[in-house]
Each structure stands twice: as C-alpha cells, then as structure tokens.
Amino acid sequence: MTHATRTAATLDEVREVMGRVRTGIETVIEGKSEAIDVALTVLLAEGHLLVEDIPGVGKTMLAKSLGRSISAEVKRIQFTPDLLPTDITGVSVFNQHTQDFEFKPGGIFAQIVVGDEVNRASPKTQSALLESMEERQVSVDGTTYRLPTPFMVVATQNPIEMEGTFPLPEAQRDRFMARINLGYPARASELAMLDSHGTHNPLDALAPVTDAATVTALIEAVTTVFVAPVVKDYLVRVVEATRHTAELRLGASPRASLHLLRASRAAAALAGRDFVIPDDVAGLAPAVLSHRLLPAAHARLSRRDMGDIVASIIKTVRIPTGR
C-alpha cells in the first residue's frame, strides 16, 4: 500500500474510483445498490455507518466487502457481552524489559473498523467508541493517540427486539452519519446468491481497486462541492421540522445538520455534479436522520417506521426553486 500523499483529486476521479468500488461490492452483495450507494456516500463524507437488520441478510458481508475493496488496514471487532472498553481502545501494559509502560493499541486502530453486532456489548463498552468516532483519536492514561486516515466505523446491529441486545445510547447513535437496512433480497437476487455463494465465498475473489491515500484525496475533493445558501436553508428547515412535530419527542441535533450537509456533498459528487441540489438532501434525510430521532408515545404504539416519519416531514418543507 502506498503512503504517498495525494492532493489533486478531482470530482471526476470521485465518480470513476467509487464506480469501481461499487462494481466490486456488487459482486458480493446482490441487489442492494441503494444500500451500497449510501455506504460509499458515508465513506466520502468522512462519516460512520450503522447497518441494522435481522441476522443473515449480509450486514457483515457488506462491511467486509467495503473494506476489502480499498487497500487499507481493516480490523473486525466482534461485540459480545464480555467485551471490555480496553479491547476497543487499547491498554497500557508494563514492559518488564524496559521497566516502563507501553501502549498496546486496541481494535479501533485501523482505517476501516468493522464492528460486528455492536448492540450485543454493554452500554459502557459501546461508549468506548464515542471519542474515536467524533474526534478520531483515543485517550488512554492521559495520552492521546491519533487514529489513521481515512477512518470509518461500519457497525452492524440486530434489531433491539432480539434476545441479548442492548439499545445503543442516544449519544452513540448520533455519531453515526447514516443508518441503513438491507432487508430480504428479491427472489432473483437470492437465486443469484445461491449460484455465487453456494460453492465459494465471493469475498475471497474481491481485490482492492483503490488505496487509502486515494480515498483521502477523494474525501478532500468532495469538500469542494458547492452548496448554495438556499439549499443550506432548505437543509436546516428539514432538520428543524423534526424538532416541531407531534410524532417525535426528540428531534435531530445540530450534528445531524452537519452530517446531512457532508453526505449531500458526497452524493452530489457521486452523481457527477459539483453542486448540491435539494433532491440530494431529501433523498439522504431518512438514512441520516431517522436513527437519531425518538418517537412520541402514540407513534411508538402505532409502530410507525422512523424512515416513513422523516419522509412525511420532508413533504411539509417547501423546496427552494433558485440555485
């Protein structure tokens, strides 16, 4: 893997390189192009992704295939009830030879971190991710250690109704840029999966199509995407609307506004544009906002889907007509 620093990536390169990454992932994950697009958007926006669904639909496979497509350091952390915070962050160990403490990095020290079944660990262990996800650093025994670049956590979780799970704290959920659900595959996709997965693991044949230095340069290029003041105003009004609806008792945070802005820039770049349009904001809002919101009592009792609530809120916000 090259460690050369690149600074001249263009938006055309963003689309071309991510197109190759998408093609590679689609050889492993059948019929889930929308979920793959959100994952690539989050990567380019320097965010973190939460993949929530029932067991066996390909959550971990999606996370692994994203990491495998990039020639970067990938680590997998299997979250279990007995996992300790130091297993994630690392710990200082006394070295008998040097007569001093030395730091042993934990699983979070990688460029792509796959957190498998994150809600099977205790809330205390889950909280060990907070600093690293927000500030891209780890503090242990008074010393701060920077995490590598790029840095992305792709966490999978089972629905909270399932046995042996702990709900993620609100502060933890708010640090994930987006949440996606894979759902059951279509019949044609499931038949294709039987052919491609029945005799071998397609992940073994997935070769990297880019490297970490290139991805870092692409992330920098995405920050140049133009967002007009009227589009920013529309974005803020969408987020504000979640704070003033009777269906929710907790609306989206200012961090959600920032995440939605960054994700919209990345989506525009993936679409081949150097400017964000309101459709970018509206299209990403359910994935970026829904996991941060808490339903009101009547909405919870009626078991309304949070994505549907966000979609209905978006319809109430006037779409700007000027650029």
Protein backbone atom coordinates (compact mmCIF):
# COMPACT_ATOMS: atom_id res chain seq x y z
CA MET A 1 0.00 0.00 0.00
CA THR A 2 1.36 3.38 -0.96
CA HIS A 3 1.67 6.06 1.68
CA ALA A 4 2.18 8.89 -0.83
CA THR A 5 0.01 11.92 -0.16
CA ARG A 6 -2.28 12.97 -2.99
CA THR A 7 -3.81 16.45 -3.13
CA ALA A 8 -5.06 16.87 -6.68
CA ALA A 9 -8.03 14.51 -6.92
CA THR A 10 -10.93 15.82 -8.99
CA LEU A 11 -14.66 15.22 -8.78
CA ASP A 12 -14.39 13.17 -11.97
CA GLU A 13 -12.00 10.86 -10.13
CA VAL A 14 -14.50 10.56 -7.28
CA ARG A 15 -17.12 9.15 -9.60
CA GLU A 16 -14.68 6.93 -11.51
CA VAL A 17 -12.93 5.39 -8.49
CA MET A 18 -16.10 4.93 -6.45
CA GLY A 19 -17.75 3.38 -9.51
CA ARG A 20 -15.08 0.68 -9.45
CA VAL A 21 -15.55 0.18 -5.71
CA ARG A 22 -19.32 -0.13 -6.22
CA THR A 23 -18.85 -2.69 -9.00
CA GLY A 24 -16.64 -4.80 -6.76
CA ILE A 25 -19.05 -4.73 -3.84
CA GLU A 26 -21.96 -5.68 -6.10
CA THR A 27 -20.17 -8.93 -6.95
CA VAL A 28 -20.57 -9.84 -3.28
CA ILE A 29 -23.85 -8.14 -2.28
CA GLU A 30 -26.67 -8.90 -4.72
CA GLY A 31 -29.46 -6.42 -5.45
CA LYS A 32 -28.67 -3.81 -2.79
CA SER A 33 -27.46 -0.90 -4.89
CA GLU A 34 -29.17 1.77 -2.76
CA ALA A 35 -27.51 0.49 0.44
CA ILE A 36 -24.13 0.35 -1.33
CA ASP A 37 -24.54 3.93 -2.55
CA VAL A 38 -25.24 5.14 1.00
CA ALA A 39 -22.16 3.28 2.26
CA LEU A 40 -19.96 4.96 -0.37
CA THR A 41 -21.54 8.33 0.41
CA VAL A 42 -20.69 7.94 4.10
CA LEU A 43 -17.12 6.93 3.26
CA LEU A 44 -16.59 10.04 1.11
CA ALA A 45 -18.23 12.25 3.75
CA GLU A 46 -15.87 11.00 6.50
CA GLY A 47 -18.74 9.52 8.45
CA HIS A 48 -19.62 6.26 10.11
CA LEU A 49 -22.27 3.77 9.02
CA LEU A 50 -24.74 1.75 11.07
CA VAL A 51 -26.23 -1.31 9.33
CA GLU A 52 -29.27 -2.61 11.16
CA ASP A 53 -31.24 -5.72 10.24
CA ILE A 54 -32.03 -9.28 11.20
CA PRO A 55 -29.26 -11.92 11.10
CA GLY A 56 -28.29 -13.46 7.79
CA VAL A 57 -29.11 -10.70 5.30
CA GLY A 58 -25.50 -9.65 4.60
CA LYS A 59 -24.73 -6.86 7.08
CA THR A 60 -21.22 -8.08 7.92
CA MET A 61 -20.59 -9.06 4.29
CA LEU A 62 -21.33 -5.51 3.16
CA ALA A 63 -18.95 -4.08 5.76
CA LYS A 64 -16.20 -6.55 4.86
CA SER A 65 -16.58 -6.04 1.11
CA LEU A 66 -16.27 -2.27 1.53
CA GLY A 67 -13.06 -2.72 3.48
CA ARG A 68 -11.73 -5.33 1.04
CA SER A 69 -12.32 -3.01 -1.94
CA ILE A 70 -9.84 -0.50 -0.51
CA SER A 71 -6.20 -1.36 0.09
CA ALA A 72 -6.40 -0.11 3.65
CA GLU A 73 -5.99 -1.52 7.13
CA VAL A 74 -9.20 -3.29 8.12
CA LYS A 75 -9.97 -4.68 11.58
CA ARG A 76 -13.05 -6.51 12.80
CA ILE A 77 -14.31 -6.27 16.37
CA GLN A 78 -16.85 -8.87 17.43
CA PHE A 79 -19.00 -7.21 20.08
CA THR A 80 -20.05 -9.59 22.88
CA PRO A 81 -21.43 -9.04 26.41
CA ASP A 82 -17.98 -9.68 27.93
CA LEU A 83 -16.08 -7.29 25.61
CA LEU A 84 -14.21 -4.64 27.59
CA PRO A 85 -13.69 -0.98 26.63
CA THR A 86 -9.91 -1.57 26.61
CA ASP A 87 -10.40 -4.28 23.96
CA ILE A 88 -11.54 -1.45 21.70
CA THR A 89 -9.32 1.47 22.68
CA GLY A 90 -6.19 -0.35 23.84
CA VAL A 91 -4.37 -0.52 27.17
CA SER A 92 -1.05 0.44 28.74
CA VAL A 93 0.95 -2.66 29.71
CA PHE A 94 4.06 -2.72 31.89
CA ASN A 95 7.09 -3.98 29.98
CA GLN A 96 9.46 -5.94 32.24
CA HIS A 97 12.41 -5.38 29.89
CA THR A 98 12.14 -1.61 29.61
CA GLN A 99 10.67 -1.15 33.09
CA ASP A 100 8.10 1.18 31.63
CA PHE A 101 4.51 1.14 30.39
CA GLU A 102 3.88 0.75 26.70
CA PHE A 103 0.62 1.20 24.81
CA LYS A 104 -0.99 -1.79 23.12
CA PRO A 105 -3.47 -0.47 20.53
CA GLY A 106 -6.98 -1.91 20.52
CA GLY A 107 -9.20 -2.91 17.62
CA ILE A 108 -10.19 0.68 16.83
CA PHE A 109 -6.74 1.39 15.38
CA ALA A 110 -7.47 0.74 11.71
CA GLN A 111 -8.71 2.68 8.71
CA ILE A 112 -11.87 0.62 8.24
CA VAL A 113 -13.24 -0.80 11.50
CA VAL A 114 -15.98 -3.42 11.22
CA GLY A 115 -17.94 -3.51 14.47
CA ASP A 116 -20.00 -6.69 14.30
CA GLU A 117 -23.24 -6.84 16.32
CA VAL A 118 -22.35 -3.67 18.21
CA ASN A 119 -25.51 -3.78 20.33
CA ARG A 120 -24.56 -7.10 21.95
CA ALA A 121 -21.95 -5.31 24.08
CA SER A 122 -22.80 -3.42 27.26
CA PRO A 123 -23.52 0.33 27.04
CA LYS A 124 -20.22 1.01 28.83
CA THR A 125 -18.28 -0.82 26.12
CA GLN A 126 -20.33 0.80 23.36
CA SER A 127 -19.41 4.19 24.82
CA ALA A 128 -15.72 3.42 24.27
CA LEU A 129 -16.35 4.29 20.62
CA LEU A 130 -17.57 7.82 21.32
CA GLU A 131 -14.26 9.72 21.33
CA SER A 132 -12.77 7.80 18.43
CA MET A 133 -15.82 8.30 16.20
CA GLU A 134 -16.18 12.02 16.90
CA GLU A 135 -12.58 13.21 17.32
CA ARG A 136 -10.69 10.43 15.51
CA GLN A 137 -8.45 9.89 18.48
CA VAL A 138 -8.16 7.71 21.59
CA SER A 139 -7.17 8.89 25.07
CA VAL A 140 -5.65 6.29 27.39
CA ASP A 141 -3.97 7.07 30.73
CA GLY A 142 -3.69 10.76 29.91
CA THR A 143 -2.11 10.25 26.49
CA THR A 144 -3.91 10.95 23.22
CA TYR A 145 -3.30 8.74 20.18
CA ARG A 146 -4.43 9.83 16.71
CA LEU A 147 -6.27 7.34 14.53
CA PRO A 148 -5.22 6.69 10.91
CA THR A 149 -6.70 8.43 7.87
CA PRO A 150 -9.18 7.70 6.38
CA PHE A 151 -11.09 6.37 9.37
CA MET A 152 -14.55 4.81 9.16
CA VAL A 153 -16.56 2.63 11.52
CA VAL A 154 -19.04 0.29 9.86
CA ALA A 155 -21.11 -1.18 12.67
CA THR A 156 -23.78 -3.84 12.33
CA GLN A 157 -26.55 -4.43 14.81
CA ASN A 158 -29.56 -6.68 15.22
CA PRO A 159 -33.00 -5.20 15.94
CA ILE A 160 -33.32 -4.33 19.63
CA GLU A 161 -36.26 -6.70 19.99
CA MET A 162 -33.90 -9.64 19.56
CA GLU A 163 -32.62 -11.54 22.60
CA GLY A 164 -29.28 -10.48 24.08
CA THR A 165 -29.15 -6.95 22.69
CA PHE A 166 -28.64 -3.58 24.38
CA PRO A 167 -30.05 -0.41 22.78
CA LEU A 168 -27.37 1.99 21.60
CA PRO A 169 -27.19 5.18 23.72
CA GLU A 170 -28.55 8.31 22.01
CA ALA A 171 -25.06 9.87 22.01
CA GLN A 172 -23.71 6.80 20.23
CA ARG A 173 -26.42 6.75 17.56
CA ASP A 174 -25.90 10.45 16.90
CA ARG A 175 -22.29 9.81 15.89
CA PHE A 176 -23.29 7.52 13.03
CA MET A 177 -23.77 9.59 9.91
CA ALA A 178 -26.31 7.20 8.42
CA ARG A 179 -28.22 4.03 9.15
CA ILE A 180 -29.35 1.56 6.51
CA ASN A 181 -31.45 -1.59 6.48
CA LEU A 182 -30.66 -4.29 3.95
CA GLY A 183 -33.88 -6.28 4.14
CA TYR A 184 -34.57 -9.57 2.43
CA PRO A 185 -33.28 -9.86 -1.14
CA ALA A 186 -35.55 -10.08 -4.14
CA ARG A 187 -36.15 -13.59 -5.48
CA ALA A 188 -33.86 -13.08 -8.48
CA SER A 189 -31.08 -11.75 -6.24
CA GLU A 190 -31.45 -14.65 -3.83
CA LEU A 191 -31.25 -17.14 -6.70
CA ALA A 192 -28.12 -15.40 -7.98
CA MET A 193 -26.70 -15.56 -4.45
CA LEU A 194 -27.17 -19.34 -4.39
CA ASP A 195 -25.05 -19.61 -7.53
CA SER A 196 -22.33 -17.18 -6.44
CA HIS A 197 -22.13 -18.12 -2.74
CA GLY A 198 -23.09 -21.78 -2.94
CA THR A 199 -19.68 -23.16 -3.85
CA HIS A 200 -17.25 -20.43 -2.75
CA ASN A 201 -17.06 -17.14 -0.88
CA PRO A 202 -17.03 -14.28 -3.44
CA LEU A 203 -15.32 -12.09 -0.84
CA ASP A 204 -12.18 -14.17 -1.37
CA ALA A 205 -12.05 -13.07 -5.01
CA LEU A 206 -12.65 -9.39 -4.30
CA ALA A 207 -9.45 -7.45 -5.00
CA PRO A 208 -8.76 -3.85 -3.90
CA VAL A 209 -9.46 -1.27 -6.60
CA THR A 210 -8.01 1.75 -4.79
CA ASP A 211 -5.90 2.62 -1.75
CA ALA A 212 -6.20 4.70 1.40
CA ALA A 213 -4.20 7.66 0.03
CA THR A 214 -6.52 7.91 -2.96
CA VAL A 215 -9.62 7.74 -0.78
CA THR A 216 -8.21 10.52 1.42
CA ALA A 217 -7.70 12.68 -1.68
CA LEU A 218 -11.24 11.93 -2.88
CA ILE A 219 -12.62 12.98 0.51
CA GLU A 220 -10.79 16.29 0.13
CA ALA A 221 -12.21 16.73 -3.37
CA VAL A 222 -15.77 16.22 -2.09
CA THR A 223 -15.39 19.20 0.26
CA THR A 224 -15.18 21.47 -2.80
CA VAL A 225 -18.75 20.65 -3.88
CA PHE A 226 -20.78 23.87 -3.84
CA VAL A 227 -23.83 24.24 -1.60
CA ALA A 228 -25.95 27.30 -2.34
CA PRO A 229 -27.34 29.31 0.59
CA VAL A 230 -30.91 28.40 -0.40
CA VAL A 231 -30.03 24.69 -0.26
CA LYS A 232 -28.40 25.12 3.15
CA ASP A 233 -31.55 26.92 4.32
CA TYR A 234 -33.67 24.03 3.00
CA LEU A 235 -31.46 21.53 4.83
CA VAL A 236 -31.78 23.38 8.13
CA ARG A 237 -35.56 23.67 7.71
CA VAL A 238 -35.79 19.91 7.18
CA VAL A 239 -33.82 19.26 10.37
CA GLU A 240 -35.78 21.90 12.29
CA ALA A 241 -39.05 20.28 11.22
CA THR A 242 -38.10 17.12 13.13
CA ARG A 243 -37.98 19.22 16.33
CA HIS A 244 -41.50 20.59 15.93
CA THR A 245 -43.62 17.56 15.05
CA ALA A 246 -46.04 15.83 17.40
CA GLU A 247 -44.83 12.44 16.20
CA LEU A 248 -41.38 12.87 17.76
CA ARG A 249 -40.27 13.57 21.30
CA LEU A 250 -36.63 14.08 20.27
CA GLY A 251 -35.69 15.82 17.05
CA ALA A 252 -32.41 15.83 15.13
CA SER A 253 -29.32 17.52 16.62
CA PRO A 254 -27.11 20.22 15.05
CA ARG A 255 -24.61 17.40 14.43
CA ALA A 256 -27.28 15.83 12.21
CA SER A 257 -27.40 19.03 10.12
CA LEU A 258 -23.64 18.88 9.61
CA HIS A 259 -23.75 15.19 8.72
CA LEU A 260 -26.57 15.77 6.25
CA LEU A 261 -24.59 18.58 4.60
CA ARG A 262 -21.45 16.47 4.24
CA ALA A 263 -23.42 13.48 2.97
CA SER A 264 -25.25 15.65 0.42
CA ARG A 265 -21.92 16.89 -0.93
CA ALA A 266 -20.70 13.31 -1.32
CA ALA A 267 -23.94 12.24 -3.03
CA ALA A 268 -23.65 15.11 -5.48
CA ALA A 269 -20.05 14.13 -6.31
CA LEU A 270 -21.08 10.51 -6.85
CA ALA A 271 -23.79 11.75 -9.23
CA GLY A 272 -21.19 13.69 -11.24
CA ARG A 273 -22.19 17.16 -10.05
CA ASP A 274 -20.10 19.90 -8.43
CA PHE A 275 -23.13 21.36 -6.62
CA VAL A 276 -25.79 20.05 -4.25
CA ILE A 277 -29.47 20.08 -5.18
CA PRO A 278 -32.46 19.77 -2.81
CA ASP A 279 -33.06 16.21 -4.02
CA ASP A 280 -29.68 15.22 -2.55
CA VAL A 281 -30.81 16.48 0.85
CA ALA A 282 -34.29 14.97 0.68
CA GLY A 283 -33.01 11.63 -0.62
CA LEU A 284 -30.48 11.21 2.20
CA ALA A 285 -32.55 12.65 5.05
CA PRO A 286 -34.26 9.34 6.06
CA ALA A 287 -30.91 7.50 6.28
CA VAL A 288 -29.14 10.37 8.04
CA LEU A 289 -31.87 11.46 10.46
CA SER A 290 -34.14 8.54 11.35
CA HIS A 291 -31.81 6.69 13.77
CA ARG A 292 -31.27 9.87 15.82
CA LEU A 293 -34.96 10.50 16.49
CA LEU A 294 -37.19 9.23 19.29
CA PRO A 295 -40.89 8.71 18.54
CA ALA A 296 -43.67 10.14 20.66
CA ALA A 297 -45.75 7.66 22.66
CA HIS A 298 -48.58 7.41 20.12
CA ALA A 299 -46.15 6.95 17.21
CA ARG A 300 -44.34 4.21 19.12
CA LEU A 301 -47.59 2.44 19.94
CA SER A 302 -48.66 2.55 16.31
CA ARG A 303 -45.21 1.13 15.38
CA ARG A 304 -44.66 3.74 12.69
CA ASP A 305 -41.35 3.38 10.86
CA MET A 306 -38.98 6.25 11.59
CA GLY A 307 -37.98 6.49 7.93
CA ASP A 308 -41.65 6.96 6.99
CA ILE A 309 -42.00 9.68 9.63
CA VAL A 310 -38.97 11.53 8.22
CA ALA A 311 -40.31 11.14 4.67
CA SER A 312 -43.65 12.64 5.71
CA ILE A 313 -41.86 15.52 7.45
CA ILE A 314 -39.85 16.28 4.30
CA LYS A 315 -43.08 16.69 2.34
CA THR A 316 -44.08 19.56 4.63
CA VAL A 317 -40.92 21.57 3.89
CA ARG A 318 -41.01 23.90 0.90
CA ILE A 319 -38.44 23.05 -1.78
CA PRO A 320 -36.34 26.02 -2.94
CA THR A 321 -36.56 26.87 -6.64
CA GLY A 322 -33.42 29.02 -7.07
CA ARG A 323 -29.80 27.84 -7.00
